[in-house]
C-alpha atoms as a PDB file:
ATOM      1  CA  MET A   1       5.098   2.454 -59.918  1.00  0.00           C
ATOM      2  CA  GLU A   2       6.589   5.381 -61.714  1.00  0.00           C
ATOM      3  CA  VAL A   3      10.100   6.136 -60.504  1.00  0.00           C
ATOM      4  CA  SER A   4      12.499   8.704 -61.948  1.00  0.00           C
ATOM      5  CA  THR A   5      15.196   7.354 -64.247  1.00  0.00           C
ATOM      6  CA  ALA A   6      17.923   8.679 -61.965  1.00  0.00           C
ATOM      7  CA  GLU A   7      16.419   6.961 -58.925  1.00  0.00           C
ATOM      8  CA  ARG A   8      15.857   3.702 -60.820  1.00  0.00           C
ATOM      9  CA  SER A   9      19.376   3.746 -62.231  1.00  0.00           C
ATOM     10  CA  LEU A  10      20.966   4.316 -58.851  1.00  0.00           C
ATOM     11  CA  ARG A  11      18.962   1.492 -57.290  1.00  0.00           C
ATOM     12  CA  ILE A  12      19.686  -0.919 -60.141  1.00  0.00           C
ATOM     13  CA  LEU A  13      23.393  -0.104 -60.168  1.00  0.00           C
ATOM     14  CA  ASN A  14      23.557  -0.714 -56.417  1.00  0.00           C
ATOM     15  CA  GLU A  15      21.824  -4.065 -56.801  1.00  0.00           C
ATOM     16  CA  TYR A  16      23.461  -5.304 -60.005  1.00  0.00           C
ATOM     17  CA  GLY A  17      26.867  -3.747 -59.350  1.00  0.00           C
ATOM     18  CA  ILE A  18      27.701  -6.687 -57.083  1.00  0.00           C
ATOM     19  CA  PHE A  19      27.824  -9.035 -60.093  1.00  0.00           C
ATOM     20  CA  SER A  20      30.921  -9.516 -62.188  1.00  0.00           C
ATOM     21  CA  VAL A  21      31.169  -7.991 -65.634  1.00  0.00           C
ATOM     22  CA  ASP A  22      31.149 -11.510 -67.070  1.00  0.00           C
ATOM     23  CA  GLN A  23      27.897 -12.355 -65.309  1.00  0.00           C
ATOM     24  CA  LEU A  24      26.276  -9.122 -66.493  1.00  0.00           C
ATOM     25  CA  ALA A  25      27.513  -9.715 -70.035  1.00  0.00           C
ATOM     26  CA  GLU A  26      26.128 -13.256 -70.028  1.00  0.00           C
ATOM     27  CA  GLN A  27      22.699 -12.032 -68.946  1.00  0.00           C
ATOM     28  CA  THR A  28      22.772  -9.101 -71.381  1.00  0.00           C
ATOM     29  CA  LYS A  29      23.428 -11.517 -74.244  1.00  0.00           C
ATOM     30  CA  ARG A  30      20.093 -13.159 -73.475  1.00  0.00           C
ATOM     31  CA  ILE A  31      18.323 -10.125 -74.957  1.00  0.00           C
ATOM     32  CA  GLU A  32      20.644  -9.811 -77.959  1.00  0.00           C
ATOM     33  CA  LYS A  33      17.865 -10.461 -80.492  1.00  0.00           C
ATOM     34  CA  ARG A  34      15.798  -7.669 -79.029  1.00  0.00           C
ATOM     35  CA  LEU A  35      18.643  -5.182 -78.636  1.00  0.00           C
ATOM     36  CA  GLY A  36      20.116  -5.703 -82.081  1.00  0.00           C
ATOM     37  CA  ASP A  37      23.761  -6.050 -83.030  1.00  0.00           C
ATOM     38  CA  CYS A  38      24.783  -2.407 -82.648  1.00  0.00           C
ATOM     39  CA  LYS A  39      23.256  -1.854 -79.206  1.00  0.00           C
ATOM     40  CA  MET A  40      24.485  -5.243 -78.017  1.00  0.00           C
ATOM     41  CA  LYS A  41      28.046  -4.425 -79.054  1.00  0.00           C
ATOM     42  CA  ARG A  42      27.859  -1.022 -77.364  1.00  0.00           C
ATOM     43  CA  ALA A  43      26.381  -2.506 -74.173  1.00  0.00           C
ATOM     44  CA  LEU A  44      29.118  -5.146 -73.996  1.00  0.00           C
ATOM     45  CA  ASP A  45      31.810  -2.567 -74.764  1.00  0.00           C
ATOM     46  CA  PHE A  46      30.558  -0.425 -71.867  1.00  0.00           C
ATOM     47  CA  LEU A  47      30.579  -3.453 -69.588  1.00  0.00           C
ATOM     48  CA  MET A  48      34.133  -4.374 -70.556  1.00  0.00           C
ATOM     49  CA  ALA A  49      35.164  -0.765 -69.857  1.00  0.00           C
ATOM     50  CA  ASN A  50      33.427  -1.112 -66.467  1.00  0.00           C
ATOM     51  CA  ASP A  51      31.042   1.711 -67.402  1.00  0.00           C
ATOM     52  CA  LEU A  52      27.911   0.299 -65.827  1.00  0.00           C
ATOM     53  CA  SER A  53      25.988   3.562 -66.150  1.00  0.00           C
ATOM     54  CA  GLN A  54      26.214   3.576 -69.936  1.00  0.00           C
ATOM     55  CA  TRP A  55      25.494  -0.162 -70.083  1.00  0.00           C
ATOM     56  CA  LEU A  56      22.411   0.361 -67.944  1.00  0.00           C
ATOM     57  CA  GLU A  57      21.171   3.190 -70.147  1.00  0.00           C
ATOM     58  CA  ILE A  58      21.048   0.816 -73.124  1.00  0.00           C
ATOM     59  CA  VAL A  59      19.470  -2.033 -71.198  1.00  0.00           C
ATOM     60  CA  LEU A  60      16.900   0.189 -69.463  1.00  0.00           C
ATOM     61  CA  ASP A  61      15.823   1.655 -72.781  1.00  0.00           C
ATOM     62  CA  TYR A  62      15.034  -1.858 -74.004  1.00  0.00           C
ATOM     63  CA  TYR A  63      13.151  -2.830 -70.837  1.00  0.00           C
ATOM     64  CA  ASP A  64      11.192   0.426 -70.694  1.00  0.00           C
ATOM     65  CA  LYS A  65      10.009   0.017 -74.292  1.00  0.00           C
ATOM     66  CA  THR A  66       9.078  -3.616 -73.677  1.00  0.00           C
ATOM     67  CA  TYR A  67       7.163  -2.738 -70.521  1.00  0.00           C
ATOM     68  CA  ALA A  68       5.358   0.164 -72.219  1.00  0.00           C
ATOM     69  CA  HIS A  69       4.336  -2.110 -75.080  1.00  0.00           C
ATOM     70  CA  SER A  70       2.968  -4.766 -72.729  1.00  0.00           C
ATOM     71  CA  ASN A  71       0.921  -2.106 -70.929  1.00  0.00           C
ATOM     72  CA  THR A  72      -0.856  -1.229 -74.179  1.00  0.00           C
ATOM     73  CA  LYS A  73      -2.299  -4.745 -74.187  1.00  0.00           C
ATOM     74  CA  ARG A  74      -3.988  -4.373 -70.784  1.00  0.00           C
ATOM     75  CA  GLU A  75      -7.658  -3.655 -70.383  1.00  0.00           C
ATOM     76  CA  ASN A  76      -8.569  -0.034 -69.741  1.00  0.00           C
ATOM     77  CA  ASN A  77      -8.570   0.981 -66.087  1.00  0.00           C
ATOM     78  CA  THR A  78      -6.413  -1.938 -64.966  1.00  0.00           C
ATOM     79  CA  CYS A  79      -3.165  -0.030 -65.069  1.00  0.00           C
ATOM     80  CA  MET A  80      -2.443   3.226 -63.325  1.00  0.00           C
ATOM     81  CA  LYS A  81       0.796   5.150 -62.940  1.00  0.00           C
ATOM     82  CA  VAL A  82       1.698   5.988 -59.370  1.00  0.00           C
ATOM     83  CA  ALA A  83       4.686   8.176 -58.532  1.00  0.00           C
ATOM     84  CA  PHE A  84       7.010   6.255 -56.216  1.00  0.00           C
ATOM     85  CA  LYS A  85      10.044   7.505 -54.333  1.00  0.00           C
ATOM     86  CA  TRP A  86      12.380   4.932 -52.839  1.00  0.00           C
ATOM     87  CA  THR A  87      13.469   7.619 -50.395  1.00  0.00           C
ATOM     88  CA  ASP A  88       9.922   7.889 -49.020  1.00  0.00           C
ATOM     89  CA  PRO A  89       8.424   4.395 -49.213  1.00  0.00           C
ATOM     90  CA  ASP A  90       5.698   4.994 -46.593  1.00  0.00           C
ATOM     91  CA  VAL A  91       4.065   7.776 -48.598  1.00  0.00           C
ATOM     92  CA  SER A  92       4.605   5.889 -51.839  1.00  0.00           C
ATOM     93  CA  VAL A  93       2.971   2.707 -50.552  1.00  0.00           C
ATOM     94  CA  ARG A  94      -0.039   4.725 -49.381  1.00  0.00           C
ATOM     95  CA  LYS A  95      -0.329   6.150 -52.904  1.00  0.00           C
ATOM     96  CA  ILE A  96      -0.244   2.633 -54.361  1.00  0.00           C
ATOM     97  CA  LEU A  97      -2.949   1.421 -51.973  1.00  0.00           C
ATOM     98  CA  THR A  98      -5.114   4.417 -52.854  1.00  0.00           C
ATOM     99  CA  ALA A  99      -4.648   3.702 -56.561  1.00  0.00           C
ATOM    100  CA  LYS A 100      -5.600   0.063 -56.012  1.00  0.00           C
ATOM    101  CA  LYS A 101      -8.866   1.158 -54.396  1.00  0.00           C
ATOM    102  CA  GLU A 102      -9.601   3.381 -57.402  1.00  0.00           C
ATOM    103  CA  ILE A 103      -9.007   0.504 -59.829  1.00  0.00           C
ATOM    104  CA  ILE A 104     -11.198  -1.888 -57.836  1.00  0.00           C
ATOM    105  CA  ASN A 105     -14.077   0.597 -57.520  1.00  0.00           C
END
């Protein structure tokens, strides 16, 4: 599913915003090796300042790169981007089902 960064960010902030800063920091530290010292420090600084948007920007960048890399390892024709809008899930699900049929055929 391909979702705009703004839409993804809003959804993630709504879901993860219920956790305490300490809980988010603890989980962020689990990817410290991958983020590197500088980005980890910045991410934690944003969390401590309660700036979840900036924290998320750093974390999403890491996850997007990781996901993109893993997709390069898939066989051809087994991965397809499908535009998805959380505001219109019925249409988006139909697009996904159509894409699935194309992959299978």
